[in-house]
Each structure stands twice: as C-alpha cells, then as structure tokens.
C-alpha cells in the first residue's frame, strides 16, 4: 500500500438507495439482492459526467471526478438523470411484476438520496487499484447521515455549492433548495438540499409485457397435485437457475442471472445446439392463483406457443399445478403436423419435465436456498 502526495480539487458523488437495510431484512434475501443489483446497474448506466466508480458500497455507489468539477447546470442535470433512471426502473418493476414475494412487491417503496461534495483528494494504491481517500471522502460519507427530513433528496455541501455558484434561493421545476447543517466530530458541515418530488420527473417509457387473453379452451391441459408450498413451486418455475433440475432435454439455459423474472423477461433454451427464445407473458388470474406464462415462436411446427403454469395453493404443504398450452399455426402444413406428431412431441416432453418437477419439490432433502 502506498499513498501519493498529489492533492487535487475533485468531485465526490454518492447515490445511496434509501430503505435498503429494512428492505433486505424484511424480504426474501435472493430477490432483494437482485432488485438492488439491478438498481445499482441503472445508476451506473446513468452516469453522464464520466465519473469514475471508486466503490460499490452495498446499497450505494461512490463516484468521483478527479481534478475537475462540472458546472452547476451539468451537475443538476446529472442528478436529475439519475433520479429519472432510478424511478423509471422502479415503475417498470412494479408494472411488469409477476412474482408475489415481498421483495418484488415492496421494491417500489425504495427511494434515492444523492450527496455531492468536493475537495482535495489523496489516493491509495492497493494491489494496483487506485482508490481515493482522505478527509473529503470521510466528510462526504458522513453527510449521508444528516437531519434532512426525507429519504429522497439531493444534498450538496456548502463547499461545492460555493464552487459552482449554487444559491439557496435556486428553484426550478424539480429543485427547490433549502439550507441545513450538521455537526460531525465537533465540526459543522453546512449544505444545501432539495427534496425530490417524483411526480415532477419525466419517467422513461418501457416495453410492457404481452397481456394474453385466452378466449378459447387450451390445446393441451394437464394437472398435478404437489405436496409442497405453492410459492416454492412458483419460485422453481420462474427462477431460471433451477431449470436444469427439472426440464428435460435442454443442454443450457441462457438468462440474466442478476434479474428477477418479470413480464417481458427473456431466456434461451439450447437444445441440440439450437437456440429457442422465450419471453415471459402475463394473463389475468384470480387472486387465489399464481400464474407464470411463456411465449416462444421457435419450436416447429407451431407459429406461436403459449404455455401457462397455474398454481393454486391449498395450504403450506400442498398445491395444484395446472399447465395449459395454446398454440397458433400459420399454414395448413403446420396445422397438419401439429395434429399428427407435433402435439405428441410437445406434450410428452412437458409431462416428463413436470413429473420431474414434482419429484424434486416433494424431495424432503431438497433445499432451494442451497443453490
């Protein structure tokens, strides 16, 4: 470890997801971790000022811009961009949600605070990694613990505000600054802050999932009684990390391992070297049912194949799983092939997989949390 003697005027920028500790402690651990990871990725992608990421600090990101402080206009635009990206993603999560777990249900309650500071930085080089440290870094992190009466705000240290010419009287459609200060280790640190009104953000659009209306009987339906909790069965079906445990004939599953499955989520099954693309679709269901649906246009001889897994929990130790398939054909040849050999092939493979799923779920030694 060594430190440099170079001191520079630099920007410190820390977005911090509010409510993270309570969120993780009171919700399903795996899904809460995925939700936070997604949101951190969104914030990193919203970095328009080419700031360097020094550290991912659990629920926060520590950015800095060495030897340069952007203008007031650029910094406020950067703050607005991050809030817009963050809340746009939360809105997408809420709208496209299929998972009933508490982590996915309460994710829209998360908030964001951003702290900005500036000063002279020192750097440590540890195993080839150059990291900022020093008094200004300590001050920036202490400013995260303040007396602002909100968990959704931007806080700009008085030192940085003076540097960029930001006045406490500044007002815009999004920002209305006030003054505050707190004492840390006997030393006062003044700042400006603005509580962010999410309703004033111009949220980004997103692709809604396909809403399927099934106004005819399914082409195939089969039912199983499974002696385990229905919510665990739903997790087994929707978490692609578990697919290899019960789906027969697939060599590989390709999917985003850091994303919770929701409407519009895509995954790929590799069978005999061929890639079959699936996307998650949604259909309305009674409140006592859990429904997961998939659409693929790849397997011949169908044009489109919709497959719905419908779970009806009985109690904590039993549920009923019904699988429905709907297929569409475009040509007479496709229709004939489905009537002769296609239906048999599709349904045999499905029955074999669900039988295996039933055995896995009823295995008393199987623990999903260990995977």
Protein backbone atom coordinates (compact mmCIF):
# COMPACT_ATOMS: atom_id res chain seq x y z
CA UNK A 1 0.00 0.00 0.00
CA UNK A 2 1.23 3.46 -0.80
CA UNK A 3 -0.23 6.96 -0.95
CA UNK A 4 0.53 9.69 -3.41
CA UNK A 5 1.36 13.21 -2.39
CA UNK A 6 -0.77 14.68 -5.17
CA UNK A 7 -3.71 16.76 -3.96
CA UNK A 8 -6.45 17.68 -6.43
CA UNK A 9 -9.75 19.54 -6.47
CA UNK A 10 -12.23 16.77 -7.24
CA UNK A 11 -15.93 15.98 -7.24
CA UNK A 12 -17.35 13.34 -4.90
CA UNK A 13 -20.77 11.96 -5.87
CA UNK A 14 -22.61 9.30 -3.83
CA UNK A 15 -26.04 7.92 -4.80
CA UNK A 16 -27.47 5.89 -1.91
CA UNK A 17 -30.60 3.73 -2.10
CA UNK A 18 -32.80 4.64 0.87
CA UNK A 19 -34.58 1.89 2.77
CA UNK A 20 -32.09 -0.80 1.75
CA UNK A 21 -31.41 -2.18 5.25
CA UNK A 22 -35.08 -2.59 6.13
CA UNK A 23 -35.81 -3.93 2.65
CA UNK A 24 -33.22 -6.71 2.89
CA UNK A 25 -34.01 -7.63 6.48
CA UNK A 26 -37.75 -7.98 5.93
CA UNK A 27 -37.95 -9.51 2.44
CA UNK A 28 -36.75 -12.57 0.59
CA UNK A 29 -32.97 -12.34 0.51
CA UNK A 30 -32.24 -13.56 -3.01
CA UNK A 31 -34.82 -11.40 -4.76
CA UNK A 32 -33.94 -8.33 -2.68
CA UNK A 33 -30.29 -8.71 -3.70
CA UNK A 34 -31.31 -8.95 -7.37
CA UNK A 35 -33.51 -5.85 -7.08
CA UNK A 36 -30.71 -3.78 -5.51
CA UNK A 37 -28.16 -5.03 -8.05
CA UNK A 38 -30.47 -4.02 -10.91
CA UNK A 39 -30.96 -0.55 -9.47
CA UNK A 40 -27.23 -0.05 -8.93
CA UNK A 41 -26.62 -1.03 -12.57
CA UNK A 42 -29.24 1.52 -13.63
CA UNK A 43 -27.48 4.26 -11.65
CA UNK A 44 -24.10 3.33 -13.11
CA UNK A 45 -25.54 3.49 -16.63
CA UNK A 46 -27.00 6.94 -15.84
CA UNK A 47 -23.51 8.39 -15.21
CA UNK A 48 -23.37 11.07 -17.92
CA UNK A 49 -20.43 13.02 -16.49
CA UNK A 50 -17.84 10.27 -16.97
CA UNK A 51 -17.25 9.97 -13.23
CA UNK A 52 -15.08 7.11 -12.06
CA UNK A 53 -16.65 4.45 -9.87
CA UNK A 54 -14.41 4.05 -6.85
CA UNK A 55 -16.54 1.53 -4.97
CA UNK A 56 -19.86 -0.27 -4.75
CA UNK A 57 -20.74 0.17 -1.09
CA UNK A 58 -23.63 -2.23 -0.53
CA UNK A 59 -26.62 -0.04 -1.32
CA UNK A 60 -24.55 2.93 -2.53
CA UNK A 61 -22.11 3.94 -5.26
CA UNK A 62 -19.05 6.08 -4.66
CA UNK A 63 -18.18 8.11 -7.78
CA UNK A 64 -15.51 10.75 -8.16
CA UNK A 65 -14.19 13.03 -10.88
CA UNK A 66 -10.56 13.82 -10.35
CA UNK A 67 -9.23 17.34 -10.77
CA UNK A 68 -12.46 18.59 -12.33
CA UNK A 69 -15.81 19.85 -11.11
CA UNK A 70 -18.59 20.15 -13.71
CA UNK A 71 -20.72 23.28 -13.90
CA UNK A 72 -23.86 23.83 -11.86
CA UNK A 73 -26.03 23.09 -14.90
CA UNK A 74 -24.23 19.82 -15.65
CA UNK A 75 -24.32 18.61 -12.04
CA UNK A 76 -28.02 19.31 -11.60
CA UNK A 77 -28.72 17.62 -14.94
CA UNK A 78 -26.69 14.60 -13.76
CA UNK A 79 -28.72 14.41 -10.56
CA UNK A 80 -32.00 14.63 -12.49
CA UNK A 81 -30.83 11.94 -14.94
CA UNK A 82 -30.10 9.53 -12.10
CA UNK A 83 -33.42 10.14 -10.38
CA UNK A 84 -35.25 9.71 -13.66
CA UNK A 85 -33.47 6.43 -14.44
CA UNK A 86 -33.96 5.10 -10.90
CA UNK A 87 -37.69 5.78 -10.68
CA UNK A 88 -38.32 4.72 -14.26
CA UNK A 89 -36.84 1.33 -13.42
CA UNK A 90 -38.91 1.07 -10.23
CA UNK A 91 -42.03 1.84 -12.25
CA UNK A 92 -41.12 -0.88 -14.74
CA UNK A 93 -40.55 -3.34 -11.88
CA UNK A 94 -43.96 -2.52 -10.43
CA UNK A 95 -45.85 -2.70 -13.73
CA UNK A 96 -44.22 -5.88 -15.04
CA UNK A 97 -44.10 -7.76 -11.75
CA UNK A 98 -45.28 -11.37 -11.67
CA UNK A 99 -43.51 -12.51 -8.51
CA UNK A 100 -45.67 -12.42 -5.35
CA UNK A 101 -42.76 -12.25 -2.90
CA UNK A 102 -42.35 -9.32 -0.52
CA UNK A 103 -39.08 -8.20 -2.12
CA UNK A 104 -40.70 -7.68 -5.52
CA UNK A 105 -43.93 -6.30 -4.04
CA UNK A 106 -42.21 -3.66 -1.86
CA UNK A 107 -39.38 -2.64 -4.24
CA UNK A 108 -41.38 0.42 -5.45
CA UNK A 109 -41.11 1.79 -1.88
CA UNK A 110 -37.35 2.24 -2.21
CA UNK A 111 -36.04 5.80 -2.50
CA UNK A 112 -32.83 7.54 -3.50
CA UNK A 113 -30.62 10.15 -1.92
CA UNK A 114 -27.57 11.70 -3.59
CA UNK A 115 -24.76 13.50 -1.78
CA UNK A 116 -22.27 15.75 -3.60
CA UNK A 117 -19.08 17.17 -2.11
CA UNK A 118 -15.71 18.41 -3.34
CA UNK A 119 -12.21 18.98 -2.16
CA UNK A 120 -8.64 17.86 -2.34
CA UNK A 121 -8.27 14.11 -2.69
CA UNK A 122 -5.49 11.79 -1.80
CA UNK A 123 -5.17 8.34 -3.32
CA UNK A 124 -4.13 4.91 -2.12
CA UNK A 125 -2.80 2.28 -4.49
CA UNK A 126 -3.59 -1.22 -3.26
CA UNK A 127 -2.73 -4.20 -5.47
CA UNK A 128 -2.74 -1.94 -8.49
CA UNK A 129 -6.09 -0.34 -7.67
CA UNK A 130 -6.01 3.41 -7.12
CA UNK A 131 -8.61 4.50 -4.60
CA UNK A 132 -9.48 7.97 -3.24
CA UNK A 133 -9.18 8.50 0.49
CA UNK A 134 -8.71 11.34 2.92
CA UNK A 135 -10.69 13.92 4.84
CA UNK A 136 -13.01 14.86 1.96
CA UNK A 137 -14.00 11.23 1.43
CA UNK A 138 -14.81 10.89 5.13
CA UNK A 139 -16.86 14.11 5.07
CA UNK A 140 -18.85 13.04 2.01
CA UNK A 141 -19.85 9.76 3.65
CA UNK A 142 -20.73 11.45 6.93
CA UNK A 143 -23.05 13.80 5.07
CA UNK A 144 -25.19 10.75 4.25
CA UNK A 145 -26.19 10.81 7.94
CA UNK A 146 -27.93 14.16 8.23
CA UNK A 147 -31.04 15.87 9.59
CA UNK A 148 -32.89 16.22 6.28
CA UNK A 149 -36.47 15.14 6.94
CA UNK A 150 -36.75 12.90 3.89
CA UNK A 151 -35.17 9.83 2.31
CA UNK A 152 -35.49 11.19 -1.22
CA UNK A 153 -33.27 14.21 -1.70
CA UNK A 154 -30.10 15.65 -3.18
CA UNK A 155 -27.62 17.20 -0.76
CA UNK A 156 -24.81 19.47 -1.96
CA UNK A 157 -22.15 20.54 0.51
CA UNK A 158 -21.79 24.30 1.00
CA UNK A 159 -18.22 23.98 -0.20
CA UNK A 160 -19.32 22.54 -3.54
CA UNK A 161 -22.32 24.90 -3.80
CA UNK A 162 -19.98 27.88 -3.49
CA UNK A 163 -17.64 26.34 -6.05
CA UNK A 164 -20.40 26.03 -8.70
CA UNK A 165 -22.28 29.20 -7.74
CA UNK A 166 -25.40 27.45 -6.45
CA UNK A 167 -27.56 29.68 -4.23
CA UNK A 168 -30.02 28.59 -1.58
CA UNK A 169 -32.65 30.60 -3.45
CA UNK A 170 -32.29 28.42 -6.60
CA UNK A 171 -35.59 26.98 -7.80
CA UNK A 172 -36.64 25.00 -10.86
CA UNK A 173 -39.40 22.55 -11.79
CA UNK A 174 -37.57 19.80 -9.85
CA UNK A 175 -35.28 21.55 -7.37
CA UNK A 176 -36.18 23.88 -4.53
CA UNK A 177 -33.18 24.18 -2.25
CA UNK A 178 -33.07 24.82 1.45
CA UNK A 179 -30.15 25.23 3.84
CA UNK A 180 -29.01 22.87 6.56
CA UNK A 181 -26.03 21.85 8.60
CA UNK A 182 -24.97 19.06 10.90
CA UNK A 183 -22.14 18.53 13.33
CA UNK A 184 -19.67 15.69 12.91
CA UNK A 185 -16.85 15.17 15.44
CA UNK A 186 -17.44 18.67 16.78
CA UNK A 187 -17.23 20.28 13.34
CA UNK A 188 -20.16 21.82 11.49
CA UNK A 189 -20.72 20.94 7.83
CA UNK A 190 -23.23 23.23 6.09
CA UNK A 191 -25.07 22.15 2.94
CA UNK A 192 -27.93 22.86 0.56
CA UNK A 193 -30.59 20.22 -0.02
CA UNK A 194 -33.67 19.69 -2.17
CA UNK A 195 -36.33 17.04 -1.59
CA UNK A 196 -37.19 15.40 -4.90
CA UNK A 197 -40.85 15.27 -5.93
CA UNK A 198 -41.03 12.09 -8.03
CA UNK A 199 -44.24 13.27 -9.72
CA UNK A 200 -42.23 16.02 -11.42
CA UNK A 201 -39.82 13.58 -13.08
CA UNK A 202 -40.38 12.73 -16.73
CA UNK A 203 -40.13 8.97 -16.39
CA UNK A 204 -38.75 6.94 -19.25
CA UNK A 205 -41.04 4.63 -21.19
CA UNK A 206 -40.58 0.87 -21.20
CA UNK A 207 -41.88 -2.06 -23.18
CA UNK A 208 -44.92 -3.54 -21.43
CA UNK A 209 -45.21 -7.33 -21.39
CA UNK A 210 -47.67 -9.07 -23.66
CA UNK A 211 -51.04 -9.44 -21.98
CA UNK A 212 -52.57 -12.67 -23.24
CA UNK A 213 -56.32 -13.16 -23.45
CA UNK A 214 -57.26 -16.83 -23.68
CA UNK A 215 -60.80 -16.81 -25.05
CA UNK A 216 -60.82 -20.46 -26.05
CA UNK A 217 -60.04 -23.79 -24.37
CA UNK A 218 -56.34 -24.73 -24.27
CA UNK A 219 -54.96 -27.09 -26.89
CA UNK A 220 -53.47 -29.13 -24.06
CA UNK A 221 -54.04 -29.14 -20.31
CA UNK A 222 -52.76 -31.36 -17.52
CA UNK A 223 -52.90 -31.15 -13.73
CA UNK A 224 -50.63 -32.33 -10.91
CA UNK A 225 -51.08 -32.32 -7.14
CA UNK A 226 -47.76 -31.42 -5.49
CA UNK A 227 -47.15 -31.90 -1.79
CA UNK A 228 -45.31 -28.68 -1.09
CA UNK A 229 -45.92 -24.95 -0.75
CA UNK A 230 -47.27 -23.34 -3.94
CA UNK A 231 -44.99 -20.32 -3.59
CA UNK A 232 -41.94 -22.57 -3.64
CA UNK A 233 -43.24 -24.21 -6.81
CA UNK A 234 -43.68 -20.75 -8.35
CA UNK A 235 -40.07 -19.87 -7.47
CA UNK A 236 -38.87 -23.12 -9.01
CA UNK A 237 -40.74 -22.32 -12.22
CA UNK A 238 -39.74 -18.67 -12.53
CA UNK A 239 -36.15 -18.76 -11.29
CA UNK A 240 -34.16 -19.95 -14.29
CA UNK A 241 -31.28 -21.00 -12.03
CA UNK A 242 -33.42 -24.03 -11.14
CA UNK A 243 -34.49 -25.01 -14.66
CA UNK A 244 -31.77 -27.63 -15.10
CA UNK A 245 -33.23 -29.54 -12.14
CA UNK A 246 -36.48 -30.40 -13.86
CA UNK A 247 -36.58 -29.52 -17.58
CA UNK A 248 -35.55 -32.50 -19.71
CA UNK A 249 -33.51 -32.37 -22.90
CA UNK A 250 -32.03 -28.88 -22.53
CA UNK A 251 -28.25 -28.51 -22.71
CA UNK A 252 -28.05 -24.94 -21.42
CA UNK A 253 -30.20 -22.07 -20.18
CA UNK A 254 -29.11 -18.53 -21.04
CA UNK A 255 -30.56 -15.68 -18.96
CA UNK A 256 -29.67 -12.61 -16.93
CA UNK A 257 -28.64 -14.05 -13.56
CA UNK A 258 -28.93 -10.64 -11.82
CA UNK A 259 -32.55 -10.04 -12.77
CA UNK A 260 -35.78 -11.12 -11.13
CA UNK A 261 -38.11 -12.71 -13.68
CA UNK A 262 -40.95 -10.38 -14.65
CA UNK A 263 -43.19 -9.69 -17.62
CA UNK A 264 -41.05 -9.33 -20.72
CA UNK A 265 -38.07 -11.20 -19.24
CA UNK A 266 -36.29 -13.32 -21.85
CA UNK A 267 -34.37 -16.57 -21.65
CA UNK A 268 -32.93 -19.03 -24.16
CA UNK A 269 -33.00 -22.84 -24.13
CA UNK A 270 -30.22 -24.58 -26.05
CA UNK A 271 -31.34 -27.97 -27.39
CA UNK A 272 -29.11 -29.98 -29.73
CA UNK A 273 -27.13 -26.82 -30.40
CA UNK A 274 -30.24 -24.87 -31.43
CA UNK A 275 -31.36 -21.76 -29.58
CA UNK A 276 -35.04 -21.41 -28.62
CA UNK A 277 -36.06 -17.96 -27.39
CA UNK A 278 -38.71 -17.48 -24.72
CA UNK A 279 -40.28 -14.37 -23.19
CA UNK A 280 -42.48 -14.04 -20.13
CA UNK A 281 -46.09 -13.09 -20.80
CA UNK A 282 -48.94 -12.18 -18.48
CA UNK A 283 -52.60 -13.08 -18.26
CA UNK A 284 -55.22 -12.17 -15.70
CA UNK A 285 -55.85 -14.68 -12.94
CA UNK A 286 -57.98 -14.98 -9.79
CA UNK A 287 -56.38 -13.75 -6.57
CA UNK A 288 -56.02 -17.33 -5.29
CA UNK A 289 -53.79 -18.35 -8.20
CA UNK A 290 -50.16 -17.80 -9.13
CA UNK A 291 -49.58 -17.68 -12.89
CA UNK A 292 -46.38 -17.82 -14.90
CA UNK A 293 -46.58 -17.72 -18.71
CA UNK A 294 -44.06 -18.13 -21.52
CA UNK A 295 -44.18 -17.45 -25.24
CA UNK A 296 -41.92 -18.86 -27.93
CA UNK A 297 -42.08 -18.66 -31.70
CA UNK A 298 -39.18 -21.02 -32.30
CA UNK A 299 -40.17 -24.69 -31.96
CA UNK A 300 -41.57 -26.14 -35.20
CA UNK A 301 -44.21 -26.81 -36.31
CA UNK A 302 -46.09 -24.04 -34.47
CA UNK A 303 -46.08 -20.32 -35.24
CA UNK A 304 -46.52 -19.35 -31.58
CA UNK A 305 -46.66 -21.46 -28.43
CA UNK A 306 -48.06 -20.08 -25.18
CA UNK A 307 -47.52 -22.11 -22.04
CA UNK A 308 -49.07 -21.19 -18.69
CA UNK A 309 -48.23 -22.69 -15.31
CA UNK A 310 -51.16 -22.04 -12.97
CA UNK A 311 -50.63 -22.76 -9.28
CA UNK A 312 -53.43 -22.88 -6.75
CA UNK A 313 -52.09 -23.18 -3.19
CA UNK A 314 -54.15 -25.43 -0.93
CA UNK A 315 -52.15 -24.91 2.25
CA UNK A 316 -48.48 -24.66 3.22
CA UNK A 317 -47.90 -28.29 2.29
CA UNK A 318 -49.91 -28.77 -0.89
CA UNK A 319 -50.84 -27.08 -4.14
CA UNK A 320 -52.33 -27.92 -7.51
CA UNK A 321 -50.30 -27.16 -10.63
CA UNK A 322 -52.16 -26.95 -13.93
CA UNK A 323 -50.27 -26.48 -17.19
CA UNK A 324 -52.08 -25.10 -20.22
CA UNK A 325 -50.71 -24.86 -23.74
CA UNK A 326 -52.13 -22.72 -26.52
CA UNK A 327 -50.57 -22.83 -29.96
CA UNK A 328 -51.09 -20.94 -33.15
CA UNK A 329 -50.35 -22.19 -36.65
CA UNK A 330 -49.97 -20.00 -39.75
CA UNK A 331 -50.09 -22.58 -42.51
CA UNK A 332 -52.10 -25.67 -43.31
CA UNK A 333 -48.89 -27.73 -43.14
CA UNK A 334 -48.20 -26.53 -39.59
CA UNK A 335 -51.75 -27.40 -38.60
CA UNK A 336 -51.47 -30.91 -40.04
CA UNK A 337 -48.09 -31.52 -38.41
CA UNK A 338 -49.42 -30.43 -35.00
CA UNK A 339 -52.42 -32.71 -35.40
CA UNK A 340 -50.22 -35.71 -36.21
CA UNK A 341 -46.83 -35.61 -34.49
CA UNK A 342 -46.25 -32.10 -33.09
CA UNK A 343 -48.75 -32.26 -30.25
CA UNK A 344 -47.48 -35.62 -29.08
CA UNK A 345 -43.86 -34.47 -29.01
CA UNK A 346 -44.64 -31.25 -27.15
CA UNK A 347 -46.88 -32.84 -24.54
CA UNK A 348 -44.63 -35.84 -23.88
CA UNK A 349 -41.69 -33.58 -23.15
CA UNK A 350 -43.79 -31.35 -20.94
CA UNK A 351 -45.25 -34.25 -18.94
CA UNK A 352 -41.78 -35.71 -18.36
CA UNK A 353 -40.48 -32.35 -17.09
CA UNK A 354 -43.40 -31.68 -14.73
CA UNK A 355 -43.21 -35.21 -13.35
CA UNK A 356 -39.58 -34.48 -12.56
CA UNK A 357 -40.50 -31.11 -11.06
CA UNK A 358 -42.98 -32.86 -8.78
CA UNK A 359 -40.33 -35.32 -7.58
CA UNK A 360 -37.84 -32.53 -6.90
CA UNK A 361 -40.34 -30.42 -4.97
CA UNK A 362 -41.51 -33.34 -2.84
CA UNK A 363 -37.96 -34.43 -2.02
CA UNK A 364 -37.64 -33.64 1.69
CA UNK A 365 -33.86 -33.31 1.37
CA UNK A 366 -34.10 -30.65 -1.35
CA UNK A 367 -33.41 -27.09 -0.25
CA UNK A 368 -33.80 -24.29 -2.80
CA UNK A 369 -31.80 -21.91 -0.60
CA UNK A 370 -28.68 -24.04 -1.05
CA UNK A 371 -28.49 -23.45 -4.82
